C-alpha atoms as a PDB file:
ATOM      1  CA  MET A   1     189.010  99.385 113.845  1.00  0.00           C
ATOM      2  CA  ASP A   2     186.324 102.073 113.835  1.00  0.00           C
ATOM      3  CA  LEU A   3     185.386 102.275 110.050  1.00  0.00           C
ATOM      4  CA  MET A   4     184.112 106.018 110.745  1.00  0.00           C
ATOM      5  CA  SER A   5     187.703 107.706 111.233  1.00  0.00           C
ATOM      6  CA  THR A   6     188.717 106.508 108.389  1.00  0.00           C
ATOM      7  CA  ALA A   7     186.380 108.210 106.182  1.00  0.00           C
ATOM      8  CA  GLU A   8     187.807 110.500 103.352  1.00  0.00           C
ATOM      9  CA  PHE A   9     185.340 112.230 101.052  1.00  0.00           C
ATOM     10  CA  SER A  10     186.017 114.379  97.846  1.00  0.00           C
ATOM     11  CA  PRO A  11     184.048 116.895  95.717  1.00  0.00           C
ATOM     12  CA  THR A  12     185.051 115.707  92.973  1.00  0.00           C
ATOM     13  CA  GLY A  13     183.627 112.412  93.341  1.00  0.00           C
ATOM     14  CA  PRO A  14     183.490 109.176  95.012  1.00  0.00           C
ATOM     15  CA  VAL A  15     186.210 107.759  97.096  1.00  0.00           C
ATOM     16  CA  LYS A  16     186.935 104.141  97.277  1.00  0.00           C
ATOM     17  CA  LYS A  17     189.577 102.592  99.937  1.00  0.00           C
ATOM     18  CA  ASP A  18     190.687  98.920  99.926  1.00  0.00           C
ATOM     19  CA  LEU A  19     190.294  97.780 103.655  1.00  0.00           C
ATOM     20  CA  MET A  20     191.119  94.255 103.477  1.00  0.00           C
ATOM     21  CA  LYS A  21     191.882  91.449 100.449  1.00  0.00           C
ATOM     22  CA  THR A  22     192.195  87.909 100.353  1.00  0.00           C
ATOM     23  CA  ALA A  23     192.475  85.202  97.819  1.00  0.00           C
ATOM     24  CA  GLY A  24     188.552  85.013  97.318  1.00  0.00           C
ATOM     25  CA  SER A  25     187.213  88.480  99.016  1.00  0.00           C
ATOM     26  CA  ASN A  26     187.997  92.239  99.223  1.00  0.00           C
ATOM     27  CA  ILE A  27     186.283  94.644 101.500  1.00  0.00           C
ATOM     28  CA  VAL A  28     186.402  98.238 100.355  1.00  0.00           C
ATOM     29  CA  LEU A  29     185.022 101.398 101.858  1.00  0.00           C
ATOM     30  CA  VAL A  30     182.606 103.708  99.656  1.00  0.00           C
ATOM     31  CA  TYR A  31     182.371 107.368 100.612  1.00  0.00           C
ATOM     32  CA  LEU A  32     180.621 109.462  98.923  1.00  0.00           C
ATOM     33  CA  GLU A  33     178.877 113.092  99.310  1.00  0.00           C
ATOM     34  CA  SER A  34     175.793 114.183  98.748  1.00  0.00           C
ATOM     35  CA  GLY A  35     174.567 114.263  95.151  1.00  0.00           C
ATOM     36  CA  GLN A  36     177.291 111.830  93.821  1.00  0.00           C
ATOM     37  CA  VAL A  37     176.473 108.711  91.686  1.00  0.00           C
ATOM     38  CA  ILE A  38     178.224 105.451  90.793  1.00  0.00           C
ATOM     39  CA  PRO A  39     176.274 105.095  87.762  1.00  0.00           C
ATOM     40  CA  PRO A  40     174.848 101.471  87.297  1.00  0.00           C
ATOM     41  CA  HIS A  41     177.021  98.626  86.163  1.00  0.00           C
ATOM     42  CA  PRO A  42     177.811  95.138  85.796  1.00  0.00           C
ATOM     43  CA  GLU A  43     180.845  93.435  87.778  1.00  0.00           C
ATOM     44  CA  PRO A  44     182.133  89.724  87.542  1.00  0.00           C
ATOM     45  CA  TYR A  45     181.592  89.116  91.373  1.00  0.00           C
ATOM     46  CA  ALA A  46     178.781  89.593  93.925  1.00  0.00           C
ATOM     47  CA  VAL A  47     178.785  91.843  96.356  1.00  0.00           C
ATOM     48  CA  VAL A  48     176.928  92.925  99.966  1.00  0.00           C
ATOM     49  CA  PHE A  49     177.039  96.841 100.607  1.00  0.00           C
ATOM     50  CA  VAL A  50     176.163  98.097 104.310  1.00  0.00           C
ATOM     51  CA  VAL A  51     175.638 101.477 104.806  1.00  0.00           C
ATOM     52  CA  LEU A  52     176.733 103.224 108.017  1.00  0.00           C
ATOM     53  CA  GLN A  53     176.047 106.477 107.343  1.00  0.00           C
ATOM     54  CA  GLY A  54     173.675 108.599 105.046  1.00  0.00           C
ATOM     55  CA  GLU A  55     171.107 107.635 102.466  1.00  0.00           C
ATOM     56  CA  GLY A  56     170.196 107.358  98.738  1.00  0.00           C
ATOM     57  CA  ILE A  57     169.114 104.519  96.366  1.00  0.00           C
ATOM     58  CA  ILE A  58     171.204 101.323  95.670  1.00  0.00           C
ATOM     59  CA  THR A  59     170.816  99.801  92.543  1.00  0.00           C
ATOM     60  CA  ALA A  60     170.793  95.526  92.467  1.00  0.00           C
ATOM     61  CA  GLY A  61     169.928  94.620  88.837  1.00  0.00           C
ATOM     62  CA  ILE A  62     166.979  95.858  87.828  1.00  0.00           C
ATOM     63  CA  ILE A  63     165.900  96.906  91.395  1.00  0.00           C
ATOM     64  CA  GLU A  64     166.558 100.489  92.792  1.00  0.00           C
ATOM     65  CA  HIS A  65     166.624 100.060  96.389  1.00  0.00           C
ATOM     66  CA  PRO A  66     165.738 102.943  98.970  1.00  0.00           C
ATOM     67  CA  VAL A  67     168.538 103.138 101.888  1.00  0.00           C
ATOM     68  CA  LYS A  68     169.941 104.628 105.264  1.00  0.00           C
ATOM     69  CA  PRO A  69     172.154 103.723 108.055  1.00  0.00           C
ATOM     70  CA  LEU A  70     172.075  99.490 108.929  1.00  0.00           C
ATOM     71  CA  HIS A  71     170.311  98.640 105.830  1.00  0.00           C
ATOM     72  CA  LEU A  72     172.258  95.765 103.398  1.00  0.00           C
ATOM     73  CA  VAL A  73     171.679  95.213 100.006  1.00  0.00           C
ATOM     74  CA  SER A  74     173.127  92.390  98.304  1.00  0.00           C
ATOM     75  CA  VAL A  75     174.257  92.109  94.340  1.00  0.00           C
ATOM     76  CA  LYS A  76     174.695  89.032  92.723  1.00  0.00           C
ATOM     77  CA  LYS A  77     177.816  88.425  90.100  1.00  0.00           C
ATOM     78  CA  ASP A  78     177.133  90.352  86.604  1.00  0.00           C
ATOM     79  CA  GLU A  79     174.548  92.042  87.742  1.00  0.00           C
ATOM     80  CA  ASN A  80     174.473  95.829  87.800  1.00  0.00           C
ATOM     81  CA  ARG A  81     175.219  97.923  90.632  1.00  0.00           C
ATOM     82  CA  GLY A  82     175.512 101.214  91.311  1.00  0.00           C
ATOM     83  CA  ILE A  83     174.597 104.140  94.180  1.00  0.00           C
ATOM     84  CA  ARG A  84     172.807 107.161  94.292  1.00  0.00           C
ATOM     85  CA  CYS A  85     174.142 109.313  97.315  1.00  0.00           C
ATOM     86  CA  ASN A  86     171.273 111.929  98.793  1.00  0.00           C
ATOM     87  CA  GLN A  87     172.885 112.203 101.857  1.00  0.00           C
ATOM     88  CA  ARG A  88     176.849 112.188 102.816  1.00  0.00           C
ATOM     89  CA  MET A  89     177.481 108.218 102.717  1.00  0.00           C
ATOM     90  CA  VAL A  90     179.703 105.822 104.158  1.00  0.00           C
ATOM     91  CA  LEU A  91     179.563 102.103 103.287  1.00  0.00           C
ATOM     92  CA  PRO A  92     181.434  98.734 103.140  1.00  0.00           C
ATOM     93  CA  GLY A  93     181.485  96.949 100.135  1.00  0.00           C
ATOM     94  CA  ILE A  94     182.213  93.274 100.814  1.00  0.00           C
ATOM     95  CA  ARG A  95     183.350  91.804  97.459  1.00  0.00           C
ATOM     96  CA  LYS A  96     182.968  87.458  97.045  1.00  0.00           C
ATOM     97  CA  ASP A  97     184.698  85.994  93.942  1.00  0.00           C
ATOM     98  CA  VAL A  98     182.394  83.470  92.691  1.00  0.00           C
END
């Protein structure tokens, strides 16, 4: 599957598309336009983000990670996670229920 061919951006906010769901995990694709933000918030699952396109900041717990293509950020269960897009971003989020 060409992950870039599914790209869908919105001027009104980030877009999240479910790619695959299984009993213990979920893979989503997240699309953000420059300037869009997903505010830091906790979730009851661990997640790994892999940047395919763009640049920005991914929050993991209390650490803000500057990211660009091919960077990976892991966030633990119940830790804050958020994304601030500086340049149009495409990133899968791979969720693991633990």
